[in-house]
Amino acid sequence: MATPDTDEADRVQAVVKSLDVLEALWQAEGAGVTELTERTGLAKSTVHAHLTTLRSKGYVVQDGDEYRLSLRFLSFGEHVKHAEPLYAAAEAPIEDLANQTGERVLCSTEQNGLGTVIRACDGDRSVTSSIDVGTPTYLHCSAGGKAILAHFDDEKIDRIIASWGLPAFTDETITDRETLIAELEEIRETGIAYNHGEYLPGISAIGAPILDNDGAVCGAVTIVGPQHRLETEWEHDELQNQLLSTANTIEVNLLFAE
């Protein structure tokens, strides 16, 4: 995934390089110095120096010529999950929705202009997807992302577009601001957002926002499935009502968690 536009003067380049190495290790699920050099574009000596430092601090482990992220990241992940109120509030409702629909159900939130899945549950006919817990996603090409964007003001939407752009992932992806804004206005009116194969070919989704007690958006719940099946079923009120009921249940859970 690309990085947002940032003032280079504000970046500490050594930290950027270490993070690049960590992200490359994560994506590769373990790699040697040569592969990491290719993935990061850094010099081999630089990659080795950062790996040595990260290993000395316990963030990387070495097995022969291969390096992997260490289990130390588990403590970070557990802390981040449980510090997010939406994580606990969504657990039972999305499991119920997955059982009702048989589809894959996601709960996501926005941070730094990107969406992140914080809960995922599979039904008995779920499709396999590369989107899972912790996966960062662009907001403009997902149902949950558009449900969230629709509840931001124009200034925040423009900041997100300026930072991340509107890249195309399939031929169906919305890539111009005017079309996106028009769709977001419709989502505000209906309370339902759609993804017509805009991120993954043949995979569609229907999403609804999750609002806090003040009416501010704090996340979204999404049903994901094969395009031919889901787009037939979402024409029926039952699927939309199930989705909206789940979003409302999560909202109530958040209210009583405060």
C-alpha atoms as a PDB file:
ATOM      1  CA  MET A   1       0.000   0.000   0.000  1.00  0.00           C
ATOM      2  CA  ALA A   2       1.222   3.493  -0.814  1.00  0.00           C
ATOM      3  CA  THR A   3       2.058   5.980   1.916  1.00  0.00           C
ATOM      4  CA  PRO A   4       0.206   9.262   2.421  1.00  0.00           C
ATOM      5  CA  ASP A   5       1.677  12.559   1.353  1.00  0.00           C
ATOM      6  CA  THR A   6       3.853  13.763   4.237  1.00  0.00           C
ATOM      7  CA  ASP A   7       6.290  16.630   4.681  1.00  0.00           C
ATOM      8  CA  GLU A   8       9.690  14.944   4.255  1.00  0.00           C
ATOM      9  CA  ALA A   9      11.157  17.383   6.789  1.00  0.00           C
ATOM     10  CA  ASP A  10       8.977  15.790   9.474  1.00  0.00           C
ATOM     11  CA  ARG A  11      10.274  12.280   8.778  1.00  0.00           C
ATOM     12  CA  VAL A  12      13.130  10.612  10.628  1.00  0.00           C
ATOM     13  CA  GLN A  13      14.585   8.588   7.771  1.00  0.00           C
ATOM     14  CA  ALA A  14      16.141   5.894   9.968  1.00  0.00           C
ATOM     15  CA  VAL A  15      12.729   5.186  11.485  1.00  0.00           C
ATOM     16  CA  VAL A  16      11.110   5.124   8.038  1.00  0.00           C
ATOM     17  CA  LYS A  17      13.653   2.558   6.860  1.00  0.00           C
ATOM     18  CA  SER A  18      13.123   0.340   9.903  1.00  0.00           C
ATOM     19  CA  LEU A  19       9.376   0.440   9.359  1.00  0.00           C
ATOM     20  CA  ASP A  20       9.843  -0.365   5.677  1.00  0.00           C
ATOM     21  CA  VAL A  21      11.854  -3.441   6.679  1.00  0.00           C
ATOM     22  CA  LEU A  22       9.216  -4.506   9.227  1.00  0.00           C
ATOM     23  CA  GLU A  23       6.385  -4.088   6.711  1.00  0.00           C
ATOM     24  CA  ALA A  24       8.311  -6.054   4.098  1.00  0.00           C
ATOM     25  CA  LEU A  25       8.893  -8.856   6.607  1.00  0.00           C
ATOM     26  CA  TRP A  26       5.203  -8.895   7.455  1.00  0.00           C
ATOM     27  CA  GLN A  27       4.143  -9.017   3.815  1.00  0.00           C
ATOM     28  CA  ALA A  28       6.679 -11.723   2.964  1.00  0.00           C
ATOM     29  CA  GLU A  29       5.893 -13.744   6.098  1.00  0.00           C
ATOM     30  CA  GLY A  30       9.642 -14.067   6.635  1.00  0.00           C
ATOM     31  CA  ALA A  31      12.518 -13.302   4.262  1.00  0.00           C
ATOM     32  CA  GLY A  32      16.260 -13.057   3.875  1.00  0.00           C
ATOM     33  CA  VAL A  33      18.352  -9.950   3.366  1.00  0.00           C
ATOM     34  CA  THR A  34      18.376 -10.290  -0.437  1.00  0.00           C
ATOM     35  CA  GLU A  35      14.580 -10.504  -0.709  1.00  0.00           C
ATOM     36  CA  LEU A  36      14.117  -7.616   1.719  1.00  0.00           C
ATOM     37  CA  THR A  37      16.558  -5.546  -0.334  1.00  0.00           C
ATOM     38  CA  GLU A  38      14.412  -6.153  -3.407  1.00  0.00           C
ATOM     39  CA  ARG A  39      11.168  -5.431  -1.576  1.00  0.00           C
ATOM     40  CA  THR A  40      12.321  -2.208   0.096  1.00  0.00           C
ATOM     41  CA  GLY A  41      14.723  -0.808  -2.484  1.00  0.00           C
ATOM     42  CA  LEU A  42      17.263  -0.224   0.275  1.00  0.00           C
ATOM     43  CA  ALA A  43      20.929  -1.176   0.079  1.00  0.00           C
ATOM     44  CA  LYS A  44      21.763  -4.646   1.374  1.00  0.00           C
ATOM     45  CA  SER A  45      24.061  -3.205   4.052  1.00  0.00           C
ATOM     46  CA  THR A  46      21.258  -0.891   5.205  1.00  0.00           C
ATOM     47  CA  VAL A  47      18.752  -3.737   5.428  1.00  0.00           C
ATOM     48  CA  HIS A  48      21.237  -5.833   7.408  1.00  0.00           C
ATOM     49  CA  ALA A  49      21.957  -2.971   9.813  1.00  0.00           C
ATOM     50  CA  HIS A  50      18.254  -2.398  10.505  1.00  0.00           C
ATOM     51  CA  LEU A  51      17.600  -6.118  10.941  1.00  0.00           C
ATOM     52  CA  THR A  52      20.460  -6.347  13.438  1.00  0.00           C
ATOM     53  CA  THR A  53      19.044  -3.439  15.438  1.00  0.00           C
ATOM     54  CA  LEU A  54      15.483  -4.789  15.342  1.00  0.00           C
ATOM     55  CA  ARG A  55      16.708  -8.218  16.445  1.00  0.00           C
ATOM     56  CA  SER A  56      18.665  -6.691  19.333  1.00  0.00           C
ATOM     57  CA  LYS A  57      15.445  -5.011  20.529  1.00  0.00           C
ATOM     58  CA  GLY A  58      13.459  -8.258  20.219  1.00  0.00           C
ATOM     59  CA  TYR A  59      11.228  -7.256  17.309  1.00  0.00           C
ATOM     60  CA  VAL A  60      12.790  -9.658  14.802  1.00  0.00           C
ATOM     61  CA  VAL A  61      13.990 -13.243  15.110  1.00  0.00           C
ATOM     62  CA  GLN A  62      16.509 -14.997  12.876  1.00  0.00           C
ATOM     63  CA  ASP A  63      16.413 -18.613  11.732  1.00  0.00           C
ATOM     64  CA  GLY A  64      19.426 -19.318   9.536  1.00  0.00           C
ATOM     65  CA  ASP A  65      19.329 -16.796   6.706  1.00  0.00           C
ATOM     66  CA  GLU A  66      15.662 -15.948   7.238  1.00  0.00           C
ATOM     67  CA  TYR A  67      14.224 -13.231   9.455  1.00  0.00           C
ATOM     68  CA  ARG A  68      10.681 -13.080  10.867  1.00  0.00           C
ATOM     69  CA  LEU A  69       8.654 -10.736  13.037  1.00  0.00           C
ATOM     70  CA  SER A  70       8.866 -11.799  16.670  1.00  0.00           C
ATOM     71  CA  LEU A  71       6.049 -12.700  19.034  1.00  0.00           C
ATOM     72  CA  ARG A  72       6.604  -9.375  20.739  1.00  0.00           C
ATOM     73  CA  PHE A  73       4.120  -7.895  18.279  1.00  0.00           C
ATOM     74  CA  LEU A  74       1.372 -10.011  19.883  1.00  0.00           C
ATOM     75  CA  SER A  75       1.359  -7.745  22.924  1.00  0.00           C
ATOM     76  CA  PHE A  76       0.976  -4.681  20.705  1.00  0.00           C
ATOM     77  CA  GLY A  77      -1.880  -6.275  18.788  1.00  0.00           C
ATOM     78  CA  GLU A  78      -3.737  -7.356  21.922  1.00  0.00           C
ATOM     79  CA  HIS A  79      -3.357  -3.907  23.449  1.00  0.00           C
ATOM     80  CA  VAL A  80      -4.610  -2.138  20.316  1.00  0.00           C
ATOM     81  CA  LYS A  81      -7.594  -4.484  19.944  1.00  0.00           C
ATOM     82  CA  HIS A  82      -8.843  -4.112  23.477  1.00  0.00           C
ATOM     83  CA  ALA A  83      -8.250  -0.355  23.544  1.00  0.00           C
ATOM     84  CA  GLU A  84     -10.769  -0.008  20.686  1.00  0.00           C
ATOM     85  CA  PRO A  85     -14.345  -0.075  22.125  1.00  0.00           C
ATOM     86  CA  LEU A  86     -15.768  -1.199  18.789  1.00  0.00           C
ATOM     87  CA  TYR A  87     -13.806  -4.456  19.003  1.00  0.00           C
ATOM     88  CA  ALA A  88     -15.822  -5.812  21.938  1.00  0.00           C
ATOM     89  CA  ALA A  89     -19.102  -4.178  20.941  1.00  0.00           C
ATOM     90  CA  ALA A  90     -19.112  -5.859  17.523  1.00  0.00           C
ATOM     91  CA  GLU A  91     -18.154  -9.416  18.512  1.00  0.00           C
ATOM     92  CA  ALA A  92     -21.572 -11.036  19.084  1.00  0.00           C
ATOM     93  CA  PRO A  93     -23.563  -8.964  16.549  1.00  0.00           C
ATOM     94  CA  ILE A  94     -21.337  -9.761  13.569  1.00  0.00           C
ATOM     95  CA  GLU A  95     -21.225 -13.429  14.537  1.00  0.00           C
ATOM     96  CA  ASP A  96     -25.033 -13.462  14.576  1.00  0.00           C
ATOM     97  CA  LEU A  97     -25.176 -11.726  11.188  1.00  0.00           C
ATOM     98  CA  ALA A  98     -22.707 -14.186   9.658  1.00  0.00           C
ATOM     99  CA  ASN A  99     -24.849 -17.068  10.930  1.00  0.00           C
ATOM    100  CA  GLN A 100     -28.044 -15.464   9.596  1.00  0.00           C
ATOM    101  CA  THR A 101     -26.705 -14.711   6.117  1.00  0.00           C
ATOM    102  CA  GLY A 102     -24.066 -17.409   5.702  1.00  0.00           C
ATOM    103  CA  GLU A 103     -21.724 -14.715   4.349  1.00  0.00           C
ATOM    104  CA  ARG A 104     -18.489 -13.154   5.566  1.00  0.00           C
ATOM    105  CA  VAL A 105     -19.135 -10.186   7.855  1.00  0.00           C
ATOM    106  CA  LEU A 106     -16.604  -7.482   8.693  1.00  0.00           C
ATOM    107  CA  CYS A 107     -16.502  -4.664  11.197  1.00  0.00           C
ATOM    108  CA  SER A 108     -14.094  -1.867  10.348  1.00  0.00           C
ATOM    109  CA  THR A 109     -13.106   1.581  11.493  1.00  0.00           C
ATOM    110  CA  GLU A 110     -11.116   4.514  10.094  1.00  0.00           C
ATOM    111  CA  GLN A 111      -7.716   5.718  11.201  1.00  0.00           C
ATOM    112  CA  ASN A 112      -5.377   8.103   9.404  1.00  0.00           C
ATOM    113  CA  GLY A 113      -7.632   8.128   6.350  1.00  0.00           C
ATOM    114  CA  LEU A 114      -7.678   4.354   5.842  1.00  0.00           C
ATOM    115  CA  GLY A 115     -10.100   1.653   6.886  1.00  0.00           C
ATOM    116  CA  THR A 116      -8.969  -1.221   9.105  1.00  0.00           C
ATOM    117  CA  VAL A 117     -10.881  -4.430   9.741  1.00  0.00           C
ATOM    118  CA  ILE A 118     -11.084  -5.060  13.500  1.00  0.00           C
ATOM    119  CA  ARG A 119     -13.530  -7.996  13.501  1.00  0.00           C
ATOM    120  CA  ALA A 120     -14.310 -10.678  10.910  1.00  0.00           C
ATOM    121  CA  CYS A 121     -16.656 -13.644  11.052  1.00  0.00           C
ATOM    122  CA  ASP A 122     -17.406 -16.303   8.430  1.00  0.00           C
ATOM    123  CA  GLY A 123     -20.760 -17.852   7.631  1.00  0.00           C
ATOM    124  CA  ASP A 124     -21.277 -21.322   6.195  1.00  0.00           C
ATOM    125  CA  ARG A 125     -20.938 -20.126   2.593  1.00  0.00           C
ATOM    126  CA  SER A 126     -18.304 -17.396   3.019  1.00  0.00           C
ATOM    127  CA  VAL A 127     -15.922 -16.586   0.191  1.00  0.00           C
ATOM    128  CA  THR A 128     -12.178 -16.639   0.706  1.00  0.00           C
ATOM    129  CA  SER A 129     -10.830 -13.088   0.841  1.00  0.00           C
ATOM    130  CA  SER A 130      -7.518 -11.322   1.327  1.00  0.00           C
ATOM    131  CA  ILE A 131      -9.288  -8.875   3.646  1.00  0.00           C
ATOM    132  CA  ASP A 132      -8.897  -9.934   7.276  1.00  0.00           C
ATOM    133  CA  VAL A 133      -8.427  -8.469  10.746  1.00  0.00           C
ATOM    134  CA  GLY A 134      -5.785  -5.763  10.635  1.00  0.00           C
ATOM    135  CA  THR A 135      -5.948  -5.343   6.873  1.00  0.00           C
ATOM    136  CA  PRO A 136      -5.736  -1.653   5.859  1.00  0.00           C
ATOM    137  CA  THR A 137      -8.090  -0.674   3.037  1.00  0.00           C
ATOM    138  CA  TYR A 138      -8.822   2.395   0.958  1.00  0.00           C
ATOM    139  CA  LEU A 139     -12.173   3.890   1.904  1.00  0.00           C
ATOM    140  CA  HIS A 140     -13.394   4.826  -1.585  1.00  0.00           C
ATOM    141  CA  CYS A 141     -13.579   1.267  -2.937  1.00  0.00           C
ATOM    142  CA  SER A 142     -15.243  -0.638  -0.091  1.00  0.00           C
ATOM    143  CA  ALA A 143     -18.828  -0.632   1.154  1.00  0.00           C
ATOM    144  CA  GLY A 144     -17.774  -0.094   4.756  1.00  0.00           C
ATOM    145  CA  GLY A 145     -15.325   2.605   3.732  1.00  0.00           C
ATOM    146  CA  LYS A 146     -17.949   4.513   1.772  1.00  0.00           C
ATOM    147  CA  ALA A 147     -20.417   4.166   4.664  1.00  0.00           C
ATOM    148  CA  ILE A 148     -17.806   5.834   6.873  1.00  0.00           C
ATOM    149  CA  LEU A 149     -16.818   8.500   4.326  1.00  0.00           C
ATOM    150  CA  ALA A 150     -20.462   9.487   3.859  1.00  0.00           C
ATOM    151  CA  HIS A 151     -20.542  10.739   7.444  1.00  0.00           C
ATOM    152  CA  PHE A 152     -17.434  12.904   7.184  1.00  0.00           C
ATOM    153  CA  ASP A 153     -17.606  16.545   6.188  1.00  0.00           C
ATOM    154  CA  ASP A 154     -16.270  17.660   2.806  1.00  0.00           C
ATOM    155  CA  GLU A 155     -13.069  19.038   4.318  1.00  0.00           C
ATOM    156  CA  LYS A 156     -12.109  15.695   5.857  1.00  0.00           C
ATOM    157  CA  ILE A 157     -13.055  13.813   2.673  1.00  0.00           C
ATOM    158  CA  ASP A 158     -10.815  16.126   0.655  1.00  0.00           C
ATOM    159  CA  ARG A 159      -7.921  15.615   3.095  1.00  0.00           C
ATOM    160  CA  ILE A 160      -8.240  11.851   2.757  1.00  0.00           C
ATOM    161  CA  ILE A 161      -8.337  12.064  -1.042  1.00  0.00           C
ATOM    162  CA  ALA A 162      -5.313  14.385  -1.028  1.00  0.00           C
ATOM    163  CA  SER A 163      -3.374  11.960   1.177  1.00  0.00           C
ATOM    164  CA  TRP A 164      -4.291   8.637  -0.426  1.00  0.00           C
ATOM    165  CA  GLY A 165      -5.763   9.451  -3.818  1.00  0.00           C
ATOM    166  CA  LEU A 166      -8.477   7.375  -5.503  1.00  0.00           C
ATOM    167  CA  PRO A 167      -6.515   4.475  -7.015  1.00  0.00           C
ATOM    168  CA  ALA A 168      -8.272   1.923  -9.217  1.00  0.00           C
ATOM    169  CA  PHE A 169      -8.288  -1.721  -8.136  1.00  0.00           C
ATOM    170  CA  THR A 170     -10.762  -2.991 -10.743  1.00  0.00           C
ATOM    171  CA  ASP A 171     -12.563  -1.518 -13.735  1.00  0.00           C
ATOM    172  CA  GLU A 172     -15.457  -0.701 -11.382  1.00  0.00           C
ATOM    173  CA  THR A 173     -13.493   1.408  -8.879  1.00  0.00           C
ATOM    174  CA  ILE A 174     -14.608   5.024  -8.522  1.00  0.00           C
ATOM    175  CA  THR A 175     -11.581   7.158  -9.367  1.00  0.00           C
ATOM    176  CA  ASP A 176     -12.938  10.725  -9.576  1.00  0.00           C
ATOM    177  CA  ARG A 177     -14.103  12.928  -6.738  1.00  0.00           C
ATOM    178  CA  GLU A 178     -17.381  14.085  -8.297  1.00  0.00           C
ATOM    179  CA  THR A 179     -18.698  10.554  -8.790  1.00  0.00           C
ATOM    180  CA  LEU A 180     -17.643   9.573  -5.291  1.00  0.00           C
ATOM    181  CA  ILE A 181     -19.277  12.617  -3.681  1.00  0.00           C
ATOM    182  CA  ALA A 182     -22.541  11.927  -5.541  1.00  0.00           C
ATOM    183  CA  GLU A 183     -22.559   8.356  -4.237  1.00  0.00           C
ATOM    184  CA  LEU A 184     -21.780   9.481  -0.689  1.00  0.00           C
ATOM    185  CA  GLU A 185     -24.772  11.827  -0.780  1.00  0.00           C
ATOM    186  CA  GLU A 186     -26.993   8.896  -1.716  1.00  0.00           C
ATOM    187  CA  ILE A 187     -25.532   6.800   1.095  1.00  0.00           C
ATOM    188  CA  ARG A 188     -26.367   9.549   3.604  1.00  0.00           C
ATOM    189  CA  GLU A 189     -30.005   9.388   2.467  1.00  0.00           C
ATOM    190  CA  THR A 190     -30.398   5.595   2.430  1.00  0.00           C
ATOM    191  CA  GLY A 191     -28.018   4.542   5.194  1.00  0.00           C
ATOM    192  CA  ILE A 192     -26.677   1.764   2.943  1.00  0.00           C
ATOM    193  CA  ALA A 193     -23.409   1.625   0.957  1.00  0.00           C
ATOM    194  CA  TYR A 194     -22.510  -0.749  -1.864  1.00  0.00           C
ATOM    195  CA  ASN A 195     -19.347  -2.126  -3.405  1.00  0.00           C
ATOM    196  CA  HIS A 196     -19.979  -3.518  -6.884  1.00  0.00           C
ATOM    197  CA  GLY A 197     -16.741  -5.443  -7.371  1.00  0.00           C
ATOM    198  CA  GLU A 198     -14.743  -2.250  -6.854  1.00  0.00           C
ATOM    199  CA  TYR A 199     -11.895  -3.718  -4.799  1.00  0.00           C
ATOM    200  CA  LEU A 200     -11.775  -7.379  -5.816  1.00  0.00           C
ATOM    201  CA  PRO A 201     -13.212  -8.644  -9.126  1.00  0.00           C
ATOM    202  CA  GLY A 202     -16.357 -10.682  -8.600  1.00  0.00           C
ATOM    203  CA  ILE A 203     -16.674  -9.753  -4.914  1.00  0.00           C
ATOM    204  CA  SER A 204     -19.365  -7.324  -3.792  1.00  0.00           C
ATOM    205  CA  ALA A 205     -20.369  -5.956  -0.415  1.00  0.00           C
ATOM    206  CA  ILE A 206     -23.126  -4.051   1.351  1.00  0.00           C
ATOM    207  CA  GLY A 207     -22.300  -1.849   4.331  1.00  0.00           C
ATOM    208  CA  ALA A 208     -23.875   0.342   6.983  1.00  0.00           C
ATOM    209  CA  PRO A 209     -22.312   2.938   9.281  1.00  0.00           C
ATOM    210  CA  ILE A 210     -21.980   2.549  13.038  1.00  0.00           C
ATOM    211  CA  LEU A 211     -22.684   5.830  14.833  1.00  0.00           C
ATOM    212  CA  ASP A 212     -21.937   6.885  18.390  1.00  0.00           C
ATOM    213  CA  ASN A 213     -24.418   8.549  20.739  1.00  0.00           C
ATOM    214  CA  ASP A 214     -23.611  11.958  19.246  1.00  0.00           C
ATOM    215  CA  GLY A 215     -24.237  10.809  15.695  1.00  0.00           C
ATOM    216  CA  ALA A 216     -20.556  10.713  14.717  1.00  0.00           C
ATOM    217  CA  VAL A 217     -19.413   7.728  12.671  1.00  0.00           C
ATOM    218  CA  CYS A 218     -17.072   5.326  14.457  1.00  0.00           C
ATOM    219  CA  GLY A 219     -17.069   2.399  12.052  1.00  0.00           C
ATOM    220  CA  ALA A 220     -19.061   0.226   9.684  1.00  0.00           C
ATOM    221  CA  VAL A 221     -20.404  -3.299   9.382  1.00  0.00           C
ATOM    222  CA  THR A 222     -20.196  -5.029   6.008  1.00  0.00           C
ATOM    223  CA  ILE A 223     -21.537  -8.204   4.402  1.00  0.00           C
ATOM    224  CA  VAL A 224     -19.172  -9.554   1.727  1.00  0.00           C
ATOM    225  CA  GLY A 225     -19.970 -12.193  -0.881  1.00  0.00           C
ATOM    226  CA  PRO A 226     -19.822 -13.296  -4.524  1.00  0.00           C
ATOM    227  CA  GLN A 227     -21.117 -10.546  -6.783  1.00  0.00           C
ATOM    228  CA  HIS A 228     -23.746 -12.675  -8.547  1.00  0.00           C
ATOM    229  CA  ARG A 229     -25.233 -13.910  -5.262  1.00  0.00           C
ATOM    230  CA  LEU A 230     -25.017 -10.863  -3.055  1.00  0.00           C
ATOM    231  CA  GLU A 231     -26.262  -8.359  -5.618  1.00  0.00           C
ATOM    232  CA  THR A 232     -29.329 -10.527  -6.168  1.00  0.00           C
ATOM    233  CA  GLU A 233     -30.043 -10.841  -2.475  1.00  0.00           C
ATOM    234  CA  TRP A 234     -29.461  -7.212  -1.511  1.00  0.00           C
ATOM    235  CA  GLU A 235     -32.415  -6.260  -3.696  1.00  0.00           C
ATOM    236  CA  HIS A 236     -34.566  -7.792  -0.975  1.00  0.00           C
ATOM    237  CA  ASP A 237     -35.351  -5.794   2.158  1.00  0.00           C
ATOM    238  CA  GLU A 238     -34.446  -8.656   4.499  1.00  0.00           C
ATOM    239  CA  LEU A 239     -30.692  -8.436   3.905  1.00  0.00           C
ATOM    240  CA  GLN A 240     -30.649  -4.664   4.335  1.00  0.00           C
ATOM    241  CA  ASN A 241     -32.785  -4.907   7.480  1.00  0.00           C
ATOM    242  CA  GLN A 242     -30.449  -7.534   8.947  1.00  0.00           C
ATOM    243  CA  LEU A 243     -27.476  -5.294   8.233  1.00  0.00           C
ATOM    244  CA  LEU A 244     -29.069  -2.185   9.737  1.00  0.00           C
ATOM    245  CA  SER A 245     -30.245  -4.146  12.780  1.00  0.00           C
ATOM    246  CA  THR A 246     -26.681  -5.371  13.355  1.00  0.00           C
ATOM    247  CA  ALA A 247     -25.291  -1.839  13.091  1.00  0.00           C
ATOM    248  CA  ASN A 248     -27.895  -0.657  15.582  1.00  0.00           C
ATOM    249  CA  THR A 249     -27.073  -3.464  18.023  1.00  0.00           C
ATOM    250  CA  ILE A 250     -23.390  -2.521  17.902  1.00  0.00           C
ATOM    251  CA  GLU A 251     -24.344   1.109  18.533  1.00  0.00           C
ATOM    252  CA  VAL A 252     -26.334   0.081  21.617  1.00  0.00           C
ATOM    253  CA  ASN A 253     -23.427  -2.041  22.854  1.00  0.00           C
ATOM    254  CA  LEU A 254     -21.129   0.969  22.478  1.00  0.00           C
ATOM    255  CA  LEU A 255     -23.558   3.161  24.392  1.00  0.00           C
ATOM    256  CA  PHE A 256     -23.682   0.850  27.397  1.00  0.00           C
ATOM    257  CA  ALA A 257     -19.919   0.272  27.278  1.00  0.00           C
ATOM    258  CA  GLU A 258     -19.268   3.932  28.028  1.00  0.00           C
END
